[in-house]
Amino acid sequence: MGFNTAPMNRIKYLIVGGGMTGDAAAQGIRELDPAGSILLVSNEPHAPYNRPPLSKGLWKGESEDKIWRPVPKGTELLLERRIVSLDVKQKQVTDDKGTTYGYEKVLLATGGSPRRLSLQSDRIIYYRTYDDYRRLHESVARPVRVAVIGGGFIGSEVAAAVRMQDRDVVMIVPEQGLGARVFPADLSAFLVDYYKKKGVETRIGEGMSGLESRGTQLAITTTTGTEVTVDLAVAGLGIVPNTDLGQQAGVKIDNGIVVDEHLRTTVADIYAAGDVANFYNPALDMRLRVEHEDNANMMGRAAGRAMAGSNEPYDHLPFFYSDLFELGYEAVGELDSRLQSVSDWKEQFREGVVYYMKEGRVRGVLLWNTWGQVDAARALIAEKGPFTAKSLKGRLPA
C-alpha cells in the first residue's frame, strides 16, 4: 500500500489497532468528517469483527458471517502489520516491515495481550481472537479433554461453550468460586454447583503449580498436588494493556494509557480508547479501564468524533454481559465482591438483581437473568442516595 508520508500528504487520522474500538473510531470520524483520510492498521489477518460471539453465539450455531463489521467508506485497512515505533516530533509511526506513515492525529486502540503461561505449546490457547476461536472450535470437533485455567469472565464462558459441545472440561480455579472476584460468595458458590451439574469438573481453590508437555497431551499439576492430564488448555488469565507505543511517545501511563474527558493523552494529537485506555467516569467518580464490548464501541466512536473536532465529553458508564449455559446477565458499574452486596431475588440465583454498595451509594448493579434494565441501573448508580438494603428491594426492574 503506497501511502505518501511527506509532511504535506500525511494521513489525517491514523488508527493503531483493528479491533472493535478502532473500527468504531473510524465510524465516529466519518460522522463528522466524510472525506478525511483514515488508515486503520491491524496486526490481525482479518478485517474488524465483533468479539463477544467468539465465546457466546458462535457456539450456539450463529453464523460466522454476522461477526464482521462494516468498515466506513474511504477507510484504508492495513492488515498483518504491527506498529512498532511512534515518533512524536516527526508525527509518524513505523511498522514491523519498516514502512513509515505520517499522521495528523493518531489513536492508540492497541488493546491488551493475554497473560501467558511459562510453557510454550501449541496445545495452549489464549482465547482472544477469531483465529483462537477457529482453533478451539475445530479441536473440539473430535473427542478431547479440555482444561480451562481460570474461573473469571472468559474462563466461565469458554468452559460452558466447550461443554455444550459434549466434551470433557475441567476448570482449574485458584479462587474459592466461579467469578469470585465479581459475584457475591453465595452466587459464586452456586455457579460451581451449577457447572458441576452441567458435567464440568471444577477444581476450586486449586491454582496451577506445574505444566509440562507429555507426548500429545499436557500434564497440569495443581497446588494440591493433583495431576490433571488433558489434550488442550485454554488460559483465561486476563490481559495486560498494550502500552508500549504510549510509553515511547511519553504519554502518562497508569493502569493503561491515561486520557482526559475527550480521550486525549498527555501528548498533543495522540488519543487512546478501548481496553488500553484509563479514563475518568463521573457517575462513579473514579478512573476506570474497561475490557468489554460496550466500552470499545462507545469509547471508540467518541474518540473518533473527538479527533474529528467534537467537544463532547466521554461520560458513558459501560455495561457488560455474559452467557453461562442457560443463565445470562448484564452488569453496570463497579462489580467487586469485596463491596457490600444486596441481593433481591425473584427466584434465588435464577432471576434477580444484585446491588453493590459503598457508603450508602450504589456502585454497581448485576442484572441476573433480568433484561432491559441497563439504563435504569445507570440512573441508580448516578443517584447520590443514601440507599439502604431495604430501600433497594424491588427498585429494579423499574
Protein backbone atom coordinates (compact mmCIF):
# COMPACT_ATOMS: atom_id res chain seq x y z
CA MET A 1 0.00 0.00 0.00
CA GLY A 2 1.81 3.11 -1.19
CA PHE A 3 1.00 5.91 1.24
CA ASN A 4 2.84 9.13 0.65
CA THR A 5 4.13 10.17 4.07
CA ALA A 6 5.63 13.54 3.09
CA PRO A 7 4.59 16.30 5.52
CA MET A 8 2.03 17.82 3.12
CA ASN A 9 0.45 14.41 2.49
CA ARG A 10 0.06 12.97 5.92
CA ILE A 11 -2.74 10.59 6.82
CA LYS A 12 -5.25 12.74 8.65
CA TYR A 13 -6.40 10.03 11.04
CA LEU A 14 -4.18 7.07 11.87
CA ILE A 15 -5.79 4.33 13.96
CA VAL A 16 -3.45 1.78 15.55
CA GLY A 17 -5.50 -1.34 16.29
CA GLY A 18 -8.03 -3.16 14.14
CA GLY A 19 -10.45 -4.35 16.81
CA MET A 20 -13.91 -3.10 17.72
CA THR A 21 -12.51 0.13 19.17
CA GLY A 22 -10.54 1.01 16.05
CA ASP A 23 -13.47 0.31 13.77
CA ALA A 24 -15.84 2.32 15.98
CA ALA A 25 -13.36 5.21 15.87
CA ALA A 26 -13.40 5.20 12.09
CA GLN A 27 -17.22 5.28 12.26
CA GLY A 28 -17.05 8.24 14.65
CA ILE A 29 -14.65 10.14 12.39
CA ARG A 30 -16.91 9.64 9.39
CA GLU A 31 -19.91 11.05 11.28
CA LEU A 32 -18.15 14.44 11.32
CA ASP A 33 -15.56 14.24 8.56
CA PRO A 34 -16.78 12.45 5.42
CA ALA A 35 -13.58 12.89 3.43
CA GLY A 36 -10.52 12.97 5.72
CA SER A 37 -8.06 10.14 5.07
CA ILE A 38 -8.22 7.24 7.57
CA LEU A 39 -5.68 4.45 7.87
CA LEU A 40 -6.52 1.59 10.23
CA VAL A 41 -3.55 -0.67 10.99
CA SER A 42 -4.16 -4.14 12.44
CA ASN A 43 -1.78 -6.94 13.35
CA GLU A 44 -4.53 -9.46 12.61
CA PRO A 45 -5.09 -11.02 9.17
CA HIS A 46 -8.82 -10.24 9.38
CA ALA A 47 -10.88 -7.10 8.91
CA PRO A 48 -12.61 -5.81 12.09
CA TYR A 49 -15.11 -8.15 13.72
CA ASN A 50 -17.24 -8.36 16.85
CA ARG A 51 -15.53 -10.35 19.59
CA PRO A 52 -18.35 -11.39 22.00
CA PRO A 53 -19.77 -14.05 19.62
CA LEU A 54 -16.40 -15.88 19.83
CA SER A 55 -17.31 -17.12 23.30
CA LYS A 56 -21.08 -16.81 23.02
CA GLY A 57 -23.30 -17.03 19.95
CA LEU A 58 -20.98 -18.89 17.56
CA TRP A 59 -21.03 -21.88 19.94
CA LYS A 60 -24.82 -21.90 19.76
CA GLY A 61 -24.93 -22.09 15.98
CA GLU A 62 -24.94 -18.43 14.98
CA SER A 63 -23.41 -17.75 11.58
CA GLU A 64 -19.81 -16.53 11.42
CA ASP A 65 -20.92 -14.18 8.64
CA LYS A 66 -22.62 -11.99 11.24
CA ILE A 67 -19.47 -11.12 13.21
CA TRP A 68 -17.85 -8.93 10.53
CA ARG A 69 -18.16 -5.17 10.95
CA PRO A 70 -18.79 -2.77 8.06
CA VAL A 71 -15.69 -0.61 7.64
CA PRO A 72 -16.57 3.06 6.99
CA LYS A 73 -16.31 4.31 3.44
CA GLY A 74 -12.88 5.55 2.49
CA THR A 75 -11.08 3.79 5.34
CA GLU A 76 -7.85 2.08 4.27
CA LEU A 77 -7.19 -1.21 6.04
CA LEU A 78 -3.62 -2.36 6.53
CA LEU A 79 -3.67 -5.93 7.89
CA GLU A 80 -0.95 -8.14 9.39
CA ARG A 81 1.16 -5.12 10.27
CA ARG A 82 2.28 -4.13 13.74
CA ILE A 83 3.21 -0.53 14.53
CA VAL A 84 6.49 -0.79 16.44
CA SER A 85 7.55 2.84 16.88
CA LEU A 86 5.93 6.23 17.31
CA ASP A 87 7.91 9.42 16.69
CA VAL A 88 6.12 12.35 18.32
CA LYS A 89 8.38 15.07 16.91
CA GLN A 90 8.07 13.87 13.31
CA LYS A 91 4.42 12.77 13.85
CA GLN A 92 5.00 9.43 12.22
CA VAL A 93 4.89 5.74 13.02
CA THR A 94 6.85 2.79 11.64
CA ASP A 95 5.55 -0.75 11.21
CA ASP A 96 7.29 -4.10 11.58
CA LYS A 97 8.11 -4.15 7.86
CA GLY A 98 9.97 -0.84 8.15
CA THR A 99 7.32 1.28 6.42
CA THR A 100 6.73 4.76 7.86
CA TYR A 101 3.40 6.63 7.94
CA GLY A 102 2.91 10.29 8.79
CA TYR A 103 -0.19 11.37 10.69
CA GLU A 104 -2.03 14.47 11.81
CA LYS A 105 -3.80 12.68 14.66
CA VAL A 106 -3.28 9.16 15.93
CA LEU A 107 -5.47 6.88 18.04
CA LEU A 108 -3.90 4.14 20.15
CA ALA A 109 -6.55 1.42 20.18
CA THR A 110 -3.95 -1.23 20.90
CA GLY A 111 -5.98 -3.33 23.33
CA GLY A 112 -4.20 -5.84 25.51
CA SER A 113 -2.19 -9.04 25.35
CA PRO A 114 -3.17 -12.21 27.24
CA ARG A 115 -1.13 -13.12 30.30
CA ARG A 116 0.85 -16.19 29.31
CA LEU A 117 1.93 -19.40 30.97
CA SER A 118 5.59 -20.42 31.29
CA LEU A 119 5.27 -23.36 28.90
CA GLN A 120 5.26 -22.67 25.16
CA SER A 121 2.96 -25.18 23.47
CA ASP A 122 0.56 -25.21 20.55
CA ARG A 123 -1.80 -27.08 22.86
CA ILE A 124 -2.38 -23.91 24.88
CA ILE A 125 -4.90 -21.40 23.51
CA TYR A 126 -5.04 -17.82 24.80
CA TYR A 127 -8.60 -17.07 23.88
CA ARG A 128 -8.69 -13.61 22.34
CA THR A 129 -9.12 -13.65 18.55
CA TYR A 130 -11.18 -15.13 15.74
CA ASP A 131 -8.29 -17.46 14.92
CA ASP A 132 -8.28 -18.64 18.56
CA TYR A 133 -11.99 -19.43 18.20
CA ARG A 134 -11.38 -21.34 14.98
CA ARG A 135 -8.60 -23.39 16.59
CA LEU A 136 -10.68 -24.34 19.60
CA HIS A 137 -13.84 -24.98 17.61
CA GLU A 138 -12.00 -27.28 15.21
CA SER A 139 -10.21 -29.04 18.08
CA VAL A 140 -13.42 -29.94 19.91
CA ALA A 141 -14.97 -31.37 16.74
CA ARG A 142 -13.39 -34.64 17.91
CA PRO A 143 -13.44 -36.15 21.44
CA VAL A 144 -10.94 -34.20 23.53
CA ARG A 145 -10.46 -33.29 27.17
CA VAL A 146 -10.01 -29.56 27.72
CA ALA A 147 -8.65 -27.71 30.73
CA VAL A 148 -9.85 -24.17 31.30
CA ILE A 149 -7.41 -22.30 33.53
CA GLY A 150 -9.16 -19.51 35.37
CA GLY A 151 -12.73 -19.03 36.53
CA GLY A 152 -13.31 -15.43 35.53
CA PHE A 153 -15.23 -13.87 32.64
CA ILE A 154 -13.61 -15.67 29.68
CA GLY A 155 -12.88 -18.91 31.55
CA SER A 156 -16.51 -19.34 32.61
CA GLU A 157 -17.82 -18.62 29.10
CA VAL A 158 -15.37 -20.91 27.31
CA ALA A 159 -15.93 -23.77 29.75
CA ALA A 160 -19.68 -23.56 29.13
CA ALA A 161 -19.21 -23.28 25.36
CA VAL A 162 -16.96 -26.35 25.14
CA ARG A 163 -19.11 -28.40 27.49
CA MET A 164 -22.13 -27.65 25.28
CA GLN A 165 -20.25 -29.50 22.52
CA ASP A 166 -20.39 -32.57 24.82
CA ARG A 167 -16.66 -32.50 25.51
CA ASP A 168 -14.90 -33.19 28.81
CA VAL A 169 -13.99 -29.95 30.58
CA VAL A 170 -12.01 -29.42 33.77
CA MET A 171 -11.77 -25.94 35.27
CA ILE A 172 -8.74 -25.06 37.40
CA VAL A 173 -9.72 -22.10 39.55
CA PRO A 174 -7.47 -20.71 42.28
CA GLU A 175 -10.29 -18.67 43.85
CA GLN A 176 -13.00 -20.17 46.06
CA GLY A 177 -15.71 -19.99 43.40
CA LEU A 178 -16.56 -19.04 39.81
CA GLY A 179 -16.43 -15.32 39.13
CA ALA A 180 -15.30 -14.98 42.74
CA ARG A 181 -13.79 -11.53 42.25
CA VAL A 182 -17.07 -10.20 40.88
CA PHE A 183 -20.01 -12.14 42.35
CA PRO A 184 -21.10 -12.37 45.99
CA ALA A 185 -19.83 -15.56 47.65
CA ASP A 186 -23.20 -17.32 47.66
CA LEU A 187 -23.77 -16.71 43.92
CA SER A 188 -20.19 -17.72 43.13
CA ALA A 189 -20.69 -20.98 45.07
CA PHE A 190 -24.00 -21.61 43.30
CA LEU A 191 -22.23 -21.33 39.93
CA VAL A 192 -19.72 -24.01 40.97
CA ASP A 193 -22.59 -26.39 41.74
CA TYR A 194 -24.40 -25.35 38.55
CA TYR A 195 -21.34 -26.12 36.40
CA LYS A 196 -20.86 -29.47 38.14
CA LYS A 197 -24.44 -30.42 37.31
CA LYS A 198 -23.70 -29.49 33.69
CA GLY A 199 -20.85 -32.03 33.72
CA VAL A 200 -17.91 -29.66 34.16
CA GLU A 201 -15.21 -30.89 36.54
CA THR A 202 -14.47 -27.92 38.78
CA ARG A 203 -11.26 -27.86 40.78
CA ILE A 204 -11.99 -24.89 43.01
CA GLY A 205 -9.33 -23.36 45.23
CA GLU A 206 -6.64 -25.05 43.18
CA GLY A 207 -4.06 -23.00 41.37
CA MET A 208 -1.61 -24.35 38.83
CA SER A 209 1.83 -25.19 40.19
CA GLY A 210 3.21 -27.12 37.22
CA LEU A 211 2.67 -27.57 33.49
CA GLU A 212 4.51 -29.81 31.04
CA SER A 213 4.06 -31.43 27.65
CA ARG A 214 3.74 -35.17 27.77
CA GLY A 215 3.55 -36.71 24.32
CA THR A 216 0.39 -35.42 22.67
CA GLN A 217 -1.04 -34.19 25.98
CA LEU A 218 -0.50 -31.59 28.66
CA ALA A 219 0.07 -32.55 32.29
CA ILE A 220 -1.06 -29.92 34.79
CA THR A 221 -0.12 -30.13 38.45
CA THR A 222 -2.36 -28.20 40.83
CA THR A 223 -1.44 -26.60 44.14
CA THR A 224 -2.98 -29.57 45.95
CA GLY A 225 -0.52 -31.91 44.21
CA THR A 226 -3.16 -33.34 41.87
CA GLU A 227 -2.15 -34.09 38.30
CA VAL A 228 -4.63 -33.35 35.53
CA THR A 229 -3.96 -34.67 32.02
CA VAL A 230 -5.69 -33.02 29.06
CA ASP A 231 -5.46 -32.73 25.29
CA LEU A 232 -5.78 -28.95 25.24
CA ALA A 233 -5.73 -25.99 27.64
CA VAL A 234 -7.48 -22.65 27.35
CA ALA A 235 -5.88 -19.98 29.52
CA GLY A 236 -8.20 -17.24 30.73
CA LEU A 237 -5.75 -15.29 32.86
CA GLY A 238 -6.71 -11.76 31.91
CA ILE A 239 -4.81 -9.27 29.77
CA VAL A 240 -2.06 -6.71 30.11
CA PRO A 241 -2.77 -3.39 28.32
CA ASN A 242 -0.52 -2.79 25.31
CA THR A 243 1.07 0.50 26.34
CA ASP A 244 4.43 0.19 24.54
CA LEU A 245 3.68 2.84 21.90
CA GLY A 246 2.32 5.17 24.52
CA GLN A 247 5.46 4.75 26.58
CA GLN A 248 7.58 5.55 23.51
CA ALA A 249 5.54 8.69 22.97
CA GLY A 250 5.95 9.77 26.58
CA VAL A 251 2.25 9.78 27.44
CA LYS A 252 1.17 9.22 31.03
CA ILE A 253 0.75 5.52 31.87
CA ASP A 254 -1.14 4.29 34.94
CA ASN A 255 -3.01 1.00 34.54
CA GLY A 256 -3.21 1.73 30.83
CA ILE A 257 -2.87 4.97 28.89
CA VAL A 258 -4.33 7.87 30.83
CA VAL A 259 -6.79 10.02 28.85
CA ASP A 260 -8.88 13.09 29.61
CA GLU A 261 -12.63 13.51 29.09
CA HIS A 262 -12.02 13.98 25.35
CA LEU A 263 -9.86 10.83 25.21
CA ARG A 264 -6.70 12.82 24.62
CA THR A 265 -3.46 11.59 26.13
CA THR A 266 -0.93 13.88 27.75
CA VAL A 267 0.78 14.33 24.35
CA ALA A 268 -0.80 16.52 21.67
CA ASP A 269 -2.68 14.79 18.83
CA ILE A 270 -2.39 11.35 20.43
CA TYR A 271 -5.64 9.76 21.62
CA ALA A 272 -6.38 6.40 23.24
CA ALA A 273 -9.52 4.30 23.63
CA GLY A 274 -10.77 0.82 24.43
CA ASP A 275 -9.10 -1.82 26.59
CA VAL A 276 -5.86 0.15 26.77
CA ALA A 277 -7.33 3.46 27.99
CA ASN A 278 -7.67 4.64 31.57
CA PHE A 279 -10.50 7.21 31.77
CA TYR A 280 -12.45 9.11 34.39
CA ASN A 281 -16.12 8.24 34.90
CA PRO A 282 -18.20 10.95 36.60
CA ALA A 283 -21.02 8.65 37.80
CA LEU A 284 -18.56 6.56 39.82
CA ASP A 285 -16.16 9.46 40.45
CA MET A 286 -13.19 7.24 39.68
CA ARG A 287 -10.87 6.25 36.87
CA LEU A 288 -11.60 3.02 35.02
CA ARG A 289 -10.06 0.75 32.44
CA VAL A 290 -12.79 -1.41 30.90
CA GLU A 291 -12.27 -4.52 28.74
CA HIS A 292 -15.75 -5.03 27.30
CA GLU A 293 -17.68 -4.54 24.06
CA ASP A 294 -19.88 -1.63 25.09
CA ASN A 295 -16.88 0.46 26.12
CA ALA A 296 -14.99 -0.49 22.95
CA ASN A 297 -17.86 0.66 20.76
CA MET A 298 -18.86 3.78 22.66
CA MET A 299 -15.36 4.96 23.55
CA GLY A 300 -14.03 4.19 20.08
CA ARG A 301 -16.81 6.23 18.47
CA ALA A 302 -16.26 9.08 20.94
CA ALA A 303 -12.51 9.09 20.24
CA GLY A 304 -13.13 9.24 16.50
CA ARG A 305 -15.54 12.14 16.92
CA ALA A 306 -13.07 13.92 19.22
CA MET A 307 -10.30 13.52 16.64
CA ALA A 308 -12.63 15.00 14.03
CA GLY A 309 -13.35 18.06 16.16
CA SER A 310 -16.19 17.18 18.53
CA ASN A 311 -16.06 18.67 22.02
CA GLU A 312 -18.39 16.12 23.63
CA PRO A 313 -17.01 14.56 26.83
CA TYR A 314 -16.90 10.79 27.20
CA ASP A 315 -19.01 10.25 30.32
CA HIS A 316 -20.56 6.90 29.37
CA LEU A 317 -20.75 4.21 32.08
CA PRO A 318 -20.18 0.94 30.19
CA PHE A 319 -22.07 -2.28 30.74
CA PHE A 320 -21.05 -5.85 30.04
CA TYR A 321 -22.87 -9.14 29.66
CA SER A 322 -22.29 -12.87 29.62
CA ASP A 323 -23.89 -16.22 28.79
CA LEU A 324 -23.29 -19.19 31.11
CA PHE A 325 -25.20 -22.20 29.73
CA GLU A 326 -28.89 -21.20 30.16
CA LEU A 327 -28.08 -18.36 32.53
CA GLY A 328 -27.11 -14.87 31.49
CA TYR A 329 -26.57 -11.43 32.92
CA GLU A 330 -25.92 -7.78 32.20
CA ALA A 331 -23.88 -5.67 34.59
CA VAL A 332 -23.17 -1.97 35.05
CA GLY A 333 -20.66 -0.09 37.14
CA GLU A 334 -18.24 -1.37 39.76
CA LEU A 335 -18.75 -5.08 40.42
CA ASP A 336 -16.38 -6.16 43.15
CA SER A 337 -17.13 -8.98 45.58
CA ARG A 338 -15.35 -7.01 48.31
CA LEU A 339 -18.13 -4.39 48.28
CA GLN A 340 -21.28 -4.76 50.34
CA SER A 341 -23.88 -6.58 48.24
CA VAL A 342 -27.66 -6.55 48.47
CA SER A 343 -29.39 -9.38 46.60
CA ASP A 344 -33.02 -9.08 45.56
CA TRP A 345 -34.01 -12.44 44.10
CA LYS A 346 -37.24 -13.18 42.30
CA GLU A 347 -36.02 -16.79 42.20
CA GLN A 348 -32.80 -17.38 44.12
CA PHE A 349 -29.74 -17.49 41.83
CA ARG A 350 -32.03 -17.83 38.79
CA GLU A 351 -33.54 -14.36 38.36
CA GLY A 352 -32.94 -11.18 40.27
CA VAL A 353 -30.78 -8.14 40.91
CA VAL A 354 -27.64 -7.72 42.99
CA TYR A 355 -26.67 -4.21 44.11
CA TYR A 356 -23.09 -3.39 45.06
CA MET A 357 -22.86 -0.66 47.68
CA LYS A 358 -20.30 1.56 49.36
CA GLU A 359 -21.02 4.30 51.88
CA GLY A 360 -24.72 4.40 51.03
CA ARG A 361 -24.17 4.70 47.26
CA VAL A 362 -24.93 2.07 44.64
CA ARG A 363 -21.62 1.41 42.86
CA GLY A 364 -22.68 -1.44 40.58
CA VAL A 365 -25.70 -3.46 39.51
CA LEU A 366 -25.79 -7.10 38.41
CA LEU A 367 -28.91 -7.92 36.39
CA TRP A 368 -29.07 -11.71 36.67
CA ASN A 369 -31.41 -13.12 34.01
CA THR A 370 -33.09 -9.70 34.22
CA TRP A 371 -33.19 -7.81 30.95
CA GLY A 372 -33.84 -4.32 29.62
CA GLN A 373 -32.73 -2.58 32.82
CA VAL A 374 -29.26 -1.27 31.95
CA ASP A 375 -30.31 2.37 31.63
CA ALA A 376 -32.30 2.19 34.88
CA ALA A 377 -29.23 0.70 36.58
CA ARG A 378 -27.05 3.53 35.25
CA ALA A 379 -29.51 6.09 36.60
CA LEU A 380 -29.47 4.41 40.01
CA ILE A 381 -25.67 4.49 40.16
CA ALA A 382 -25.72 8.21 39.32
CA GLU A 383 -28.05 8.95 42.28
CA LYS A 384 -26.35 10.16 45.45
CA GLY A 385 -28.63 8.23 47.83
CA PRO A 386 -28.12 7.33 50.57
CA PHE A 387 -29.59 3.90 49.96
CA THR A 388 -30.22 1.04 52.37
CA ALA A 389 -30.75 -2.65 51.67
CA LYS A 390 -34.44 -2.13 52.47
CA SER A 391 -34.85 0.82 50.09
CA LEU A 392 -33.32 -1.15 47.20
CA LYS A 393 -35.69 -4.09 47.48
CA GLY A 394 -37.92 -4.05 44.39
CA ARG A 395 -36.19 -0.97 42.94
CA LEU A 396 -35.36 -2.86 39.72
CA PRO A 397 -36.79 -3.91 37.35
CA ALA A 398 -38.14 -0.39 37.02
